[in-house]
Amino acid sequence: MPDVWNVVSQVLGGIVVGTALGLLLSWALGVLDDWHERREQRNQLAIEAELDRTQAELRRTILDLSAALGADAHEARKALIRESYLARGEIPKN
């Protein structure tokens, strides 16, 4: 028959080891969770930065196209006025 003190010490040892392993696992999971959260945050910031760059590029493109359309419209108006003068038999002023 095993000695009572031997059994008690084994039970207490198991409790201590189990508690230590539980604490270690809890700490490791906390560290892993923090790392994962920081990684997700970095990824989100990178995506937002890329969206900002794309938005700025699209804005520049839109403004360039708008300026080009404005210039084309101006040239079209000038051509219509010139054709109007020519249709009336007048020489347009430049």
PDB file of N, CA and C in Angstrom:
ATOM      1  N   MET A   1       0.851  -1.176   0.000  1.00  0.00           N
ATOM      2  CA  MET A   1       0.000   0.000   0.000  1.00  0.00           C
ATOM      3  C   MET A   1       0.893   1.234   0.000  1.00  0.00           C
ATOM      4  N   PRO A   2       0.590   2.148  -0.961  1.00  0.00           N
ATOM      5  CA  PRO A   2       1.447   3.318  -1.045  1.00  0.00           C
ATOM      6  C   PRO A   2       1.312   4.175   0.201  1.00  0.00           C
ATOM      7  N   ASP A   3       2.398   4.850   0.456  1.00  0.00           N
ATOM      8  CA  ASP A   3       2.438   5.740   1.607  1.00  0.00           C
ATOM      9  C   ASP A   3       1.541   6.947   1.330  1.00  0.00           C
ATOM     10  N   VAL A   4       0.771   7.396   2.311  1.00  0.00           N
ATOM     11  CA  VAL A   4      -0.166   8.515   2.163  1.00  0.00           C
ATOM     12  C   VAL A   4       0.572   9.786   1.759  1.00  0.00           C
ATOM     13  N   TRP A   5       1.721  10.017   2.381  1.00  0.00           N
ATOM     14  CA  TRP A   5       2.497  11.230   2.056  1.00  0.00           C
ATOM     15  C   TRP A   5       2.993  11.189   0.613  1.00  0.00           C
ATOM     16  N   ASN A   6       3.306  10.029   0.148  1.00  0.00           N
ATOM     17  CA  ASN A   6       3.755   9.869  -1.226  1.00  0.00           C
ATOM     18  C   ASN A   6       2.617  10.212  -2.196  1.00  0.00           C
ATOM     19  N   VAL A   7       1.429   9.727  -1.912  1.00  0.00           N
ATOM     20  CA  VAL A   7       0.261  10.008  -2.749  1.00  0.00           C
ATOM     21  C   VAL A   7      -0.076  11.492  -2.708  1.00  0.00           C
ATOM     22  N   VAL A   8      -0.066  12.070  -1.510  1.00  0.00           N
ATOM     23  CA  VAL A   8      -0.375  13.497  -1.353  1.00  0.00           C
ATOM     24  C   VAL A   8       0.644  14.340  -2.112  1.00  0.00           C
ATOM     25  N   SER A   9       1.912  13.990  -2.013  1.00  0.00           N
ATOM     26  CA  SER A   9       2.948  14.766  -2.705  1.00  0.00           C
ATOM     27  C   SER A   9       2.805  14.624  -4.220  1.00  0.00           C
ATOM     28  N   GLN A  10       2.418  13.445  -4.699  1.00  0.00           N
ATOM     29  CA  GLN A  10       2.210  13.275  -6.136  1.00  0.00           C
ATOM     30  C   GLN A  10       1.007  14.091  -6.615  1.00  0.00           C
ATOM     31  N   VAL A  11      -0.058  14.092  -5.829  1.00  0.00           N
ATOM     32  CA  VAL A  11      -1.245  14.876  -6.191  1.00  0.00           C
ATOM     33  C   VAL A  11      -0.906  16.359  -6.198  1.00  0.00           C
ATOM     34  N   LEU A  12      -0.223  16.822  -5.148  1.00  0.00           N
ATOM     35  CA  LEU A  12       0.164  18.236  -5.082  1.00  0.00           C
ATOM     36  C   LEU A  12       1.136  18.589  -6.211  1.00  0.00           C
ATOM     37  N   GLY A  13       2.051  17.692  -6.493  1.00  0.00           N
ATOM     38  CA  GLY A  13       2.981  17.918  -7.604  1.00  0.00           C
ATOM     39  C   GLY A  13       2.233  18.025  -8.923  1.00  0.00           C
ATOM     40  N   GLY A  14       1.263  17.148  -9.118  1.00  0.00           N
ATOM     41  CA  GLY A  14       0.452  17.210 -10.341  1.00  0.00           C
ATOM     42  C   GLY A  14      -0.321  18.515 -10.436  1.00  0.00           C
ATOM     43  N   ILE A  15      -0.844  18.965  -9.309  1.00  0.00           N
ATOM     44  CA  ILE A  15      -1.577  20.237  -9.295  1.00  0.00           C
ATOM     45  C   ILE A  15      -0.643  21.396  -9.637  1.00  0.00           C
ATOM     46  N   VAL A  16       0.551  21.394  -9.029  1.00  0.00           N
ATOM     47  CA  VAL A  16       1.520  22.468  -9.278  1.00  0.00           C
ATOM     48  C   VAL A  16       1.963  22.457 -10.740  1.00  0.00           C
ATOM     49  N   VAL A  17       2.295  21.268 -11.255  1.00  0.00           N
ATOM     50  CA  VAL A  17       2.729  21.168 -12.649  1.00  0.00           C
ATOM     51  C   VAL A  17       1.587  21.568 -13.584  1.00  0.00           C
ATOM     52  N   GLY A  18       0.383  21.102 -13.294  1.00  0.00           N
ATOM     53  CA  GLY A  18      -0.775  21.460 -14.122  1.00  0.00           C
ATOM     54  C   GLY A  18      -1.042  22.959 -14.104  1.00  0.00           C
ATOM     55  N   THR A  19      -0.935  23.554 -12.923  1.00  0.00           N
ATOM     56  CA  THR A  19      -1.135  25.002 -12.810  1.00  0.00           C
ATOM     57  C   THR A  19      -0.060  25.758 -13.582  1.00  0.00           C
ATOM     58  N   ALA A  20       1.196  25.306 -13.440  1.00  0.00           N
ATOM     59  CA  ALA A  20       2.301  25.961 -14.145  1.00  0.00           C
ATOM     60  C   ALA A  20       2.109  25.842 -15.656  1.00  0.00           C
ATOM     61  N   LEU A  21       1.725  24.656 -16.119  1.00  0.00           N
ATOM     62  CA  LEU A  21       1.487  24.478 -17.551  1.00  0.00           C
ATOM     63  C   LEU A  21       0.305  25.327 -18.028  1.00  0.00           C
ATOM     64  N   GLY A  22      -0.727  25.410 -17.214  1.00  0.00           N
ATOM     65  CA  GLY A  22      -1.882  26.243 -17.561  1.00  0.00           C
ATOM     66  C   GLY A  22      -1.502  27.713 -17.663  1.00  0.00           C
ATOM     67  N   LEU A  23      -0.708  28.179 -16.689  1.00  0.00           N
ATOM     68  CA  LEU A  23      -0.256  29.573 -16.727  1.00  0.00           C
ATOM     69  C   LEU A  23       0.641  29.833 -17.934  1.00  0.00           C
ATOM     70  N   LEU A  24       1.538  28.899 -18.217  1.00  0.00           N
ATOM     71  CA  LEU A  24       2.424  29.037 -19.367  1.00  0.00           C
ATOM     72  C   LEU A  24       1.620  29.069 -20.667  1.00  0.00           C
ATOM     73  N   LEU A  25       0.651  28.185 -20.776  1.00  0.00           N
ATOM     74  CA  LEU A  25      -0.193  28.147 -21.965  1.00  0.00           C
ATOM     75  C   LEU A  25      -1.004  29.435 -22.096  1.00  0.00           C
ATOM     76  N   SER A  26      -1.540  29.917 -20.991  1.00  0.00           N
ATOM     77  CA  SER A  26      -2.304  31.161 -21.002  1.00  0.00           C
ATOM     78  C   SER A  26      -1.431  32.328 -21.451  1.00  0.00           C
ATOM     79  N   TRP A  27      -0.197  32.396 -20.930  1.00  0.00           N
ATOM     80  CA  TRP A  27       0.731  33.463 -21.313  1.00  0.00           C
ATOM     81  C   TRP A  27       1.077  33.358 -22.803  1.00  0.00           C
ATOM     82  N   ALA A  28       1.371  32.129 -23.265  1.00  0.00           N
ATOM     83  CA  ALA A  28       1.742  31.925 -24.667  1.00  0.00           C
ATOM     84  C   ALA A  28       0.590  32.308 -25.594  1.00  0.00           C
ATOM     85  N   LEU A  29      -0.623  31.946 -25.226  1.00  0.00           N
ATOM     86  CA  LEU A  29      -1.777  32.315 -26.047  1.00  0.00           C
ATOM     87  C   LEU A  29      -1.984  33.825 -26.065  1.00  0.00           C
ATOM     88  N   GLY A  30      -1.734  34.478 -24.932  1.00  0.00           N
ATOM     89  CA  GLY A  30      -1.828  35.942 -24.880  1.00  0.00           C
ATOM     90  C   GLY A  30      -0.809  36.601 -25.792  1.00  0.00           C
ATOM     91  N   VAL A  31       0.433  36.098 -25.752  1.00  0.00           N
ATOM     92  CA  VAL A  31       1.485  36.639 -26.622  1.00  0.00           C
ATOM     93  C   VAL A  31       1.127  36.405 -28.086  1.00  0.00           C
ATOM     94  N   LEU A  32       0.663  35.215 -28.396  1.00  0.00           N
ATOM     95  CA  LEU A  32       0.278  34.890 -29.769  1.00  0.00           C
ATOM     96  C   LEU A  32      -0.886  35.768 -30.237  1.00  0.00           C
ATOM     97  N   ASP A  33      -1.849  35.986 -29.380  1.00  0.00           N
ATOM     98  CA  ASP A  33      -2.991  36.829 -29.721  1.00  0.00           C
ATOM     99  C   ASP A  33      -2.546  38.272 -29.963  1.00  0.00           C
ATOM    100  N   ASP A  34      -1.658  38.787 -29.111  1.00  0.00           N
ATOM    101  CA  ASP A  34      -1.133  40.147 -29.300  1.00  0.00           C
ATOM    102  C   ASP A  34      -0.386  40.263 -30.622  1.00  0.00           C
ATOM    103  N   TRP A  35       0.440  39.258 -30.933  1.00  0.00           N
ATOM    104  CA  TRP A  35       1.194  39.265 -32.184  1.00  0.00           C
ATOM    105  C   TRP A  35       0.244  39.266 -33.380  1.00  0.00           C
ATOM    106  N   HIS A  36      -0.778  38.419 -33.306  1.00  0.00           N
ATOM    107  CA  HIS A  36      -1.748  38.328 -34.399  1.00  0.00           C
ATOM    108  C   HIS A  36      -2.497  39.654 -34.565  1.00  0.00           C
ATOM    109  N   GLU A  37      -2.857  40.271 -33.470  1.00  0.00           N
ATOM    110  CA  GLU A  37      -3.567  41.549 -33.527  1.00  0.00           C
ATOM    111  C   GLU A  37      -2.685  42.640 -34.148  1.00  0.00           C
ATOM    112  N   ARG A  38      -1.407  42.683 -33.755  1.00  0.00           N
ATOM    113  CA  ARG A  38      -0.478  43.665 -34.335  1.00  0.00           C
ATOM    114  C   ARG A  38      -0.296  43.415 -35.833  1.00  0.00           C
ATOM    115  N   ARG A  39      -0.227  42.151 -36.217  1.00  0.00           N
ATOM    116  CA  ARG A  39      -0.070  41.790 -37.630  1.00  0.00           C
ATOM    117  C   ARG A  39      -1.284  42.232 -38.434  1.00  0.00           C
ATOM    118  N   GLU A  40      -2.465  41.974 -37.913  1.00  0.00           N
ATOM    119  CA  GLU A  40      -3.690  42.391 -38.589  1.00  0.00           C
ATOM    120  C   GLU A  40      -3.750  43.914 -38.707  1.00  0.00           C
ATOM    121  N   GLN A  41      -3.311  44.597 -37.660  1.00  0.00           N
ATOM    122  CA  GLN A  41      -3.305  46.059 -37.677  1.00  0.00           C
ATOM    123  C   GLN A  41      -2.340  46.582 -38.743  1.00  0.00           C
ATOM    124  N   ARG A  42      -1.148  45.966 -38.838  1.00  0.00           N
ATOM    125  CA  ARG A  42      -0.183  46.373 -39.868  1.00  0.00           C
ATOM    126  C   ARG A  42      -0.754  46.132 -41.261  1.00  0.00           C
ATOM    127  N   ASN A  43      -1.399  44.988 -41.446  1.00  0.00           N
ATOM    128  CA  ASN A  43      -2.008  44.682 -42.747  1.00  0.00           C
ATOM    129  C   ASN A  43      -3.092  45.697 -43.096  1.00  0.00           C
ATOM    130  N   GLN A  44      -3.911  46.040 -42.107  1.00  0.00           N
ATOM    131  CA  GLN A  44      -4.979  47.008 -42.340  1.00  0.00           C
ATOM    132  C   GLN A  44      -4.395  48.375 -42.697  1.00  0.00           C
ATOM    133  N   LEU A  45      -3.338  48.786 -41.996  1.00  0.00           N
ATOM    134  CA  LEU A  45      -2.700  50.066 -42.302  1.00  0.00           C
ATOM    135  C   LEU A  45      -2.093  50.055 -43.702  1.00  0.00           C
ATOM    136  N   ALA A  46      -1.504  48.929 -44.091  1.00  0.00           N
ATOM    137  CA  ALA A  46      -0.931  48.824 -45.437  1.00  0.00           C
ATOM    138  C   ALA A  46      -2.026  48.913 -46.500  1.00  0.00           C
ATOM    139  N   ILE A  47      -3.141  48.263 -46.262  1.00  0.00           N
ATOM    140  CA  ILE A  47      -4.260  48.315 -47.206  1.00  0.00           C
ATOM    141  C   ILE A  47      -4.807  49.736 -47.302  1.00  0.00           C
ATOM    142  N   GLU A  48      -4.959  50.405 -46.152  1.00  0.00           N
ATOM    143  CA  GLU A  48      -5.457  51.779 -46.159  1.00  0.00           C
ATOM    144  C   GLU A  48      -4.493  52.712 -46.887  1.00  0.00           C
ATOM    145  N   ALA A  49      -3.188  52.508 -46.699  1.00  0.00           N
ATOM    146  CA  ALA A  49      -2.197  53.336 -47.396  1.00  0.00           C
ATOM    147  C   ALA A  49      -2.287  53.118 -48.904  1.00  0.00           C
ATOM    148  N   GLU A  50      -2.450  51.872 -49.321  1.00  0.00           N
ATOM    149  CA  GLU A  50      -2.589  51.570 -50.750  1.00  0.00           C
ATOM    150  C   GLU A  50      -3.864  52.200 -51.312  1.00  0.00           C
ATOM    151  N   LEU A  51      -4.947  52.151 -50.541  1.00  0.00           N
ATOM    152  CA  LEU A  51      -6.190  52.789 -50.983  1.00  0.00           C
ATOM    153  C   LEU A  51      -6.013  54.299 -51.109  1.00  0.00           C
ATOM    154  N   ASP A  52      -5.290  54.906 -50.170  1.00  0.00           N
ATOM    155  CA  ASP A  52      -5.025  56.345 -50.246  1.00  0.00           C
ATOM    156  C   ASP A  52      -4.220  56.686 -51.492  1.00  0.00           C
ATOM    157  N   ARG A  53      -3.186  55.872 -51.784  1.00  0.00           N
ATOM    158  CA  ARG A  53      -2.382  56.113 -52.990  1.00  0.00           C
ATOM    159  C   ARG A  53      -3.237  55.969 -54.253  1.00  0.00           C
ATOM    160  N   THR A  54      -4.057  54.933 -54.285  1.00  0.00           N
ATOM    161  CA  THR A  54      -4.920  54.706 -55.446  1.00  0.00           C
ATOM    162  C   THR A  54      -5.925  55.842 -55.601  1.00  0.00           C
ATOM    163  N   GLN A  55      -6.474  56.296 -54.485  1.00  0.00           N
ATOM    164  CA  GLN A  55      -7.435  57.397 -54.530  1.00  0.00           C
ATOM    165  C   GLN A  55      -6.774  58.663 -55.079  1.00  0.00           C
ATOM    166  N   ALA A  56      -5.562  58.956 -54.630  1.00  0.00           N
ATOM    167  CA  ALA A  56      -4.848  60.140 -55.119  1.00  0.00           C
ATOM    168  C   ALA A  56      -4.552  60.011 -56.612  1.00  0.00           C
ATOM    169  N   GLU A  57      -4.161  58.823 -57.030  1.00  0.00           N
ATOM    170  CA  GLU A  57      -3.877  58.593 -58.452  1.00  0.00           C
ATOM    171  C   GLU A  57      -5.140  58.760 -59.296  1.00  0.00           C
ATOM    172  N   LEU A  58      -6.251  58.206 -58.823  1.00  0.00           N
ATOM    173  CA  LEU A  58      -7.514  58.352 -59.551  1.00  0.00           C
ATOM    174  C   LEU A  58      -7.955  59.812 -59.601  1.00  0.00           C
ATOM    175  N   ARG A  59      -7.748  60.514 -58.508  1.00  0.00           N
ATOM    176  CA  ARG A  59      -8.106  61.938 -58.473  1.00  0.00           C
ATOM    177  C   ARG A  59      -7.296  62.712 -59.517  1.00  0.00           C
ATOM    178  N   ARG A  60      -5.981  62.445 -59.579  1.00  0.00           N
ATOM    179  CA  ARG A  60      -5.142  63.108 -60.581  1.00  0.00           C
ATOM    180  C   ARG A  60      -5.617  62.769 -61.993  1.00  0.00           C
ATOM    181  N   THR A  61      -5.950  61.503 -62.216  1.00  0.00           N
ATOM    182  CA  THR A  61      -6.420  61.079 -63.535  1.00  0.00           C
ATOM    183  C   THR A  61      -7.720  61.790 -63.900  1.00  0.00           C
ATOM    184  N   ILE A  62      -8.634  61.866 -62.958  1.00  0.00           N
ATOM    185  CA  ILE A  62      -9.920  62.535 -63.203  1.00  0.00           C
ATOM    186  C   ILE A  62      -9.700  64.007 -63.522  1.00  0.00           C
ATOM    187  N   LEU A  63      -8.836  64.662 -62.750  1.00  0.00           N
ATOM    188  CA  LEU A  63      -8.570  66.079 -63.003  1.00  0.00           C
ATOM    189  C   LEU A  63      -7.891  66.285 -64.355  1.00  0.00           C
ATOM    190  N   ASP A  64      -6.971  65.388 -64.714  1.00  0.00           N
ATOM    191  CA  ASP A  64      -6.319  65.481 -66.026  1.00  0.00           C
ATOM    192  C   ASP A  64      -7.332  65.297 -67.157  1.00  0.00           C
ATOM    193  N   LEU A  65      -8.206  64.303 -66.999  1.00  0.00           N
ATOM    194  CA  LEU A  65      -9.234  64.071 -68.023  1.00  0.00           C
ATOM    195  C   LEU A  65     -10.200  65.245 -68.112  1.00  0.00           C
ATOM    196  N   SER A  66     -10.533  65.815 -66.981  1.00  0.00           N
ATOM    197  CA  SER A  66     -11.422  66.972 -66.957  1.00  0.00           C
ATOM    198  C   SER A  66     -10.790  68.150 -67.688  1.00  0.00           C
ATOM    199  N   ALA A  67      -9.504  68.376 -67.435  1.00  0.00           N
ATOM    200  CA  ALA A  67      -8.805  69.464 -68.126  1.00  0.00           C
ATOM    201  C   ALA A  67      -8.753  69.198 -69.630  1.00  0.00           C
ATOM    202  N   ALA A  68      -8.494  67.952 -70.003  1.00  0.00           N
ATOM    203  CA  ALA A  68      -8.441  67.608 -71.430  1.00  0.00           C
ATOM    204  C   ALA A  68      -9.807  67.793 -72.083  1.00  0.00           C
ATOM    205  N   LEU A  69     -10.870  67.375 -71.390  1.00  0.00           N
ATOM    206  CA  LEU A  69     -12.217  67.567 -71.937  1.00  0.00           C
ATOM    207  C   LEU A  69     -12.551  69.047 -72.061  1.00  0.00           C
ATOM    208  N   GLY A  70     -12.122  69.828 -71.078  1.00  0.00           N
ATOM    209  CA  GLY A  70     -12.348  71.270 -71.145  1.00  0.00           C
ATOM    210  C   GLY A  70     -11.643  71.884 -72.342  1.00  0.00           C
ATOM    211  N   ALA A  71     -10.406  71.455 -72.578  1.00  0.00           N
ATOM    212  CA  ALA A  71      -9.655  71.964 -73.730  1.00  0.00           C
ATOM    213  C   ALA A  71     -10.314  71.523 -75.033  1.00  0.00           C
ATOM    214  N   ASP A  72     -10.757  70.273 -75.092  1.00  0.00           N
ATOM    215  CA  ASP A  72     -11.438  69.781 -76.293  1.00  0.00           C
ATOM    216  C   ASP A  72     -12.736  70.552 -76.538  1.00  0.00           C
ATOM    217  N   ALA A  73     -13.469  70.817 -75.471  1.00  0.00           N
ATOM    218  CA  ALA A  73     -14.723  71.565 -75.604  1.00  0.00           C
ATOM    219  C   ALA A  73     -14.443  72.976 -76.115  1.00  0.00           C
ATOM    220  N   HIS A  74     -13.389  73.582 -75.615  1.00  0.00           N
ATOM    221  CA  HIS A  74     -13.026  74.929 -76.070  1.00  0.00           C
ATOM    222  C   HIS A  74     -12.690  74.919 -77.564  1.00  0.00           C
ATOM    223  N   GLU A  75     -11.894  73.934 -77.970  1.00  0.00           N
ATOM    224  CA  GLU A  75     -11.540  73.827 -79.390  1.00  0.00           C
ATOM    225  C   GLU A  75     -12.779  73.554 -80.244  1.00  0.00           C
ATOM    226  N   ALA A  76     -13.700  72.750 -79.747  1.00  0.00           N
ATOM    227  CA  ALA A  76     -14.931  72.454 -80.491  1.00  0.00           C
ATOM    228  C   ALA A  76     -15.776  73.717 -80.637  1.00  0.00           C
ATOM    229  N   ARG A  77     -15.863  74.525 -79.567  1.00  0.00           N
ATOM    230  CA  ARG A  77     -16.616  75.777 -79.654  1.00  0.00           C
ATOM    231  C   ARG A  77     -15.981  76.722 -80.683  1.00  0.00           C
ATOM    232  N   LYS A  78     -14.659  76.797 -80.650  1.00  0.00           N
ATOM    233  CA  LYS A  78     -13.964  77.644 -81.628  1.00  0.00           C
ATOM    234  C   LYS A  78     -14.240  77.166 -83.053  1.00  0.00           C
ATOM    235  N   ALA A  79     -14.219  75.848 -83.258  1.00  0.00           N
ATOM    236  CA  ALA A  79     -14.469  75.300 -84.595  1.00  0.00           C
ATOM    237  C   ALA A  79     -15.903  75.589 -85.044  1.00  0.00           C
ATOM    238  N   LEU A  80     -16.865  75.479 -84.124  1.00  0.00           N
ATOM    239  CA  LEU A  80     -18.259  75.777 -84.472  1.00  0.00           C
ATOM    240  C   LEU A  80     -18.426  77.247 -84.832  1.00  0.00           C
ATOM    241  N   ILE A  81     -17.790  78.107 -84.078  1.00  0.00           N
ATOM    242  CA  ILE A  81     -17.876  79.539 -84.376  1.00  0.00           C
ATOM    243  C   ILE A  81     -17.255  79.823 -85.739  1.00  0.00           C
ATOM    244  N   ARG A  82     -16.107  79.199 -85.996  1.00  0.00           N
ATOM    245  CA  ARG A  82     -15.434  79.388 -87.292  1.00  0.00           C
ATOM    246  C   ARG A  82     -16.338  78.905 -88.432  1.00  0.00           C
ATOM    247  N   GLU A  83     -16.938  77.725 -88.268  1.00  0.00           N
ATOM    248  CA  GLU A  83     -17.841  77.193 -89.296  1.00  0.00           C
ATOM    249  C   GLU A  83     -19.053  78.100 -89.480  1.00  0.00           C
ATOM    250  N   SER A  84     -19.525  78.684 -88.396  1.00  0.00           N
ATOM    251  CA  SER A  84     -20.666  79.589 -88.478  1.00  0.00           C
ATOM    252  C   SER A  84     -20.307  80.815 -89.312  1.00  0.00           C
ATOM    253  N   TYR A  85     -19.111  81.358 -89.054  1.00  0.00           N
ATOM    254  CA  TYR A  85     -18.652  82.497 -89.863  1.00  0.00           C
ATOM    255  C   TYR A  85     -18.538  82.103 -91.334  1.00  0.00           C
ATOM    256  N   LEU A  86     -17.906  80.954 -91.586  1.00  0.00           N
ATOM    257  CA  LEU A  86     -17.706  80.510 -92.968  1.00  0.00           C
ATOM    258  C   LEU A  86     -19.036  80.247 -93.670  1.00  0.00           C
ATOM    259  N   ALA A  87     -20.018  79.717 -92.941  1.00  0.00           N
ATOM    260  CA  ALA A  87     -21.332  79.443 -93.526  1.00  0.00           C
ATOM    261  C   ALA A  87     -22.024  80.739 -93.938  1.00  0.00           C
ATOM    262  N   ARG A  88     -21.748  81.833 -93.217  1.00  0.00           N
ATOM    263  CA  ARG A  88     -22.344  83.128 -93.561  1.00  0.00           C
ATOM    264  C   ARG A  88     -21.510  83.866 -94.601  1.00  0.00           C
ATOM    265  N   GLY A  89     -20.382  83.279 -94.968  1.00  0.00           N
ATOM    266  CA  GLY A  89     -19.527  83.905 -95.964  1.00  0.00           C
ATOM    267  C   GLY A  89     -18.603  84.951 -95.379  1.00  0.00           C
ATOM    268  N   GLU A  90     -18.420  84.942 -94.089  1.00  0.00           N
ATOM    269  CA  GLU A  90     -17.529  85.900 -93.440  1.00  0.00           C
ATOM    270  C   GLU A  90     -16.201  85.226 -93.125  1.00  0.00           C
ATOM    271  N   ILE A  91     -15.212  86.059 -92.957  1.00  0.00           N
ATOM    272  CA  ILE A  91     -13.900  85.550 -92.552  1.00  0.00           C
ATOM    273  C   ILE A  91     -13.808  85.697 -91.031  1.00  0.00           C
ATOM    274  N   PRO A  92     -13.584  84.602 -90.319  1.00  0.00           N
ATOM    275  CA  PRO A  92     -13.542  84.687 -88.851  1.00  0.00           C
ATOM    276  C   PRO A  92     -12.308  85.436 -88.368  1.00  0.00           C
ATOM    277  N   LYS A  93     -12.495  86.129 -87.243  1.00  0.00           N
ATOM    278  CA  LYS A  93     -11.366  86.804 -86.606  1.00  0.00           C
ATOM    279  C   LYS A  93     -10.615  85.778 -85.765  1.00  0.00           C
ATOM    280  N   ASN A  94      -9.315  85.815 -85.795  1.00  0.00           N
ATOM    281  CA  ASN A  94      -8.524  84.860 -85.007  1.00  0.00           C
ATOM    282  C   ASN A  94      -8.200  85.398 -83.668  1.00  0.00           C
TER     283      ASN A  94
END
